[in-house]
Amino acid sequence: MPNRQATSNKAQKKKIHHDNSSGKSKSSGKRKLNHEAESAKNDDCLELFSNPNLDSSKRDLSSKSRGKQKEVSDVSDQSEAEIDSSNNSDSELDEGSFPGIFLSEEEDNDSDEEADDSSDQSELLEEDVPDEELGSLLDSSSSDEDTSDLDSFIKRSTVKPDEIEPKAIIPFREINQELNYMKRGKLKPSEFVEGVKIKVWDEIEPGYGSESSTEDAPNRIGNIPAHFYDDMPHIGYDIDGKKIMRPAKGDELDKFLAGIEDPTSWTSVEDKLMQKNVALTEQELDIIHKLAKAENPDAQYDPYEPMVEFFTGKGMEMTLPLSARPEPKRRFIPSKWEHKKVMKIVRAIRQGRIVPNKPKSEKPQFYAIWSNEDQPRPAGPMYMPAPKLKPPGHAESYNPPEEYLFDEEERKAWEAAEPEDRKLDFMPTKYSSLRLVPGYSNLVQERFNRCLDLYLAPRMLRRRPKLDISDPSELLPKLPSPKDLRPFPSVCSVQYVHENGTRTRTVSIDPTGMWVATGSDDGEVRIWECKVGRCAMTWRLGDKSPGPVYSVEWCPDKSKCILSVVVGGSIFLVSPLSVLSPSMGEATIEAAHAGFTTAVDGPTVSAAKWSRASEKDRDSGVLIEITVPGTPKQVTWHRRGDYFASVASEAGNQSVLIHQLSKHQTQAPFRKTKGVVQKVTFHAIKPHLFVATQQYIKVYDLLAQTLIKTLQPGVKWISSLDVHPLGDNVIVGSYDKRLVWHDMDLSERPFKTMKYHQKAIRSVGFSARFPLFLTSSDDGTIQIFHSTVYSDLMMNPLIVPLKSLKGHEVRDNLGVLEAKWHPTEPWVVSVGADGVGRLWCP
């Protein structure tokens, strides 16, 4: 039925066109006729769409009827009646055409294959009309163009057939795409409908400029892990939902044979999605080779492209500023709006709405219940810090010393040598000031080499090997046997017993080694015969200056026999005249009184007073009394026997005084002292003075009157110090039981720190003749050490503990208060709180 109606409508349309081709049409007639033509067109489309089993002759007839639609624009008024009749038939056609759209299930199932073949042919609609006829029809009906719902439905349901062969892939950037997408298509004759041209669109291959830059893979499983399909015969699904079967894989032997026989096996990679090997292209292999060589994969990249010097190159110089506009006034006056913002914040702070420096509330910390570690783990289990650069030396200074500069021969040798063989990568140069130093030419190269070392050089975490120690004695240093280092004191030979067991603080041996002087808390100074232990003389100096005897020291000059004694607030110079020869006694008195007849020139300390003793005191051996500020606690002589120094900690800037015997002159070398001075001593060879405060030892040059260096023993409270006879090493004792050895040529820090005592160290001292030194402590012991100092500066001193001398009794937590070496023998004389002096011999 729909076929007959479509045929009758086409016949009527041809008749109307034939009868009214010469007449003039009115506007109303044209509108009606256009409506008739549109209705006929819709009927034909419905016929083709609803009944896909039409034969080709009917489809040709339908296409020809639609090709004649543009010729109905010139009908006359006489054909209006016939047009109305044709419209009535069209209304009947509309009623009968809709059932053709909704086919029954039986018809649909019987014609599945035929519908697939004819669906592509039934999709030819408005595009089959030539452009000239379509343009004239659009011009005639532009004013009254009303698209029906059916036309919109047909347009939406239409798909253009793919009637051309797929072309070779062309990069997206090489396709000359026009801006107007309506003009990109081309009209070509249709392969299915004769005499009809269709528009064919160019294929757009996805490239890097398109939305999809990758080809669609056959396997459409997406991000699903591939191991989900391990137990299945397929590996995924394609776009149609069909299974993609697992490709066949060979065993290890097949892979081995393929690697030998197939020359392209090494240029293929495994596609994990499709589970097969894919050969790489030449371009991909070229990219891989360039990446392996650390090159840019882009062949057109030029790393040495000449730099364009904008604003400074030739012809591009900038001679004028970018803007000559004067600065506005607002940049020189305070901003009104900023003031308002600041005042707003100030008001908020005053009102309490903003609290500056508000303490942050501590957030609760949560720990893993079953974890055994409370501390967070480090950043990486194998993190190794980068090695630090070597610090610059004197040769890299802008004003290096002369010995670091090259002479002519060294400069030529450096230039002739290869860069790898040079000891220095640069030539030391001297500049008068830092502003004259130019830029370093090798900076970029050195930074580049440093970066290469950081990310290319492998780092190694050196682990100390586990020591297989069978005997703990292997950990001790190999030291010589004490038997090979004799002689050294080991036994007590002579005792010097004081009356009533009074505490003995100080002891000293004269340069000849015959007499031993001791001072006790009862204010008495006793002279003992060294080898026998007989008390030869006694001076009760406590009656003249009340207080204990703090220090006694013999003058090192053998031409005179003078003993300096510190009692109370005075220093006495005494001499045992009764036991001396007449010539020695006269020389001693003359040396002591020579200063009273010598004019004093130079600055002197007004508080220090030199006074001659009375006739009675001179007969007993008391020669001179020196009154000094404060309470002196120590006196020490210079090696030449003319100068001696005293220490009074409470005297401020006059705590250290230097006295000259020949002129009876006293000087204060320091205007002010930092810290409380504990001990002083003279250098064995040089005119240097060592001043020990509680924690530091300062070395002064007395001639230049300058500070040479400051030693840092690292102890809490220094108690004593002594200088090696060669003058390059110093030992320091402290109240915190530590013995510190300083190497003056090595560093300001200690060379070695030892701890052999259980209580505070009271005195230390070097032997003037033997490589020995000692320490005495409140624990009642005396430690004897062997110390060999080599003349070779590359060898460290050899320190060997030899003997621990025990014999003094500890009273009131005080033990051995002082110990001194014999000037010519390996003997030691010690005194302590028990009131007994002892002579220790080998």
Foldseek 3Di string as FASTA:
>chain_A
DLLVLLVVLLVLVVVQLVVFLPAAADPVVQVLLLVSLVLSQLSLLLVCQLDVPDDPVSVLVSVVSNQCSLSNNGGYPVCPVSSVVSVVSSVVSVVVSVVSNDDDPVVCVVCVPSCVVSVQVSQDHPQQHDPVSVVSVCVSCVVPDDDDPSNVVSVVVHDHDDDDDDDDDDAQVVDPDDPDNVPQWDWDADPPHPPTTGTDHDDHDAPPPDPDHDDDDQFDPPPDDQVVCVVPQFRHAGPVRDTHGQDDDDDPVVVVVCVVPPVQPVQWDADSSNGHIDGDDPLVVQQVVQVVVVHDSDPPDDPPDDDDDACPDVPRPDPDDPDPDDDDPPVVDDDPVVVVVVVVVVVCVVVVVDPPPDDDDDDDDDDDPPDPDPDDDDPDPPDDDDDDDDDDDQLPDQAHDPVSADDPVRVVVQVPDDCVPDPDNDHRHHDPDPVPDDDDPCPVVVVVVVVCCVPPPDDDDDDDDDDDDPDVVVPDDDDDDLVVADDFFAFFDEKQFDPPQFWWFEKEAALVRQWIWTWGFQQKIWIAGRNHNHTDAIDRCCVVAPGTWQYKYFQNDPLETWIWTFGHQKIWIFGQLVPDDPNRNVSHLCLQCLQVPDDDDDDADPQKDKDADDPVVVVRTTGIMIGHPARWRYKEYANNRFKIWTAHQPPFQQRIWIAGRNNRGIDRLGPGDDAGWADKDAFLPARWIWTDHQFKIWIAHPVVSDTDDIAGAPDRGWQEKDAANVRQKIWTFFQVQKIFICGNVPDSYTPDIDHDDPGGWQYKDAANPAQKIWIDGLVAKIWIWGWDDDPDPVDDIDIGTRHIDHDFDHDPSGHWNDKDQRNPASWIWTGIRSNMITITGD
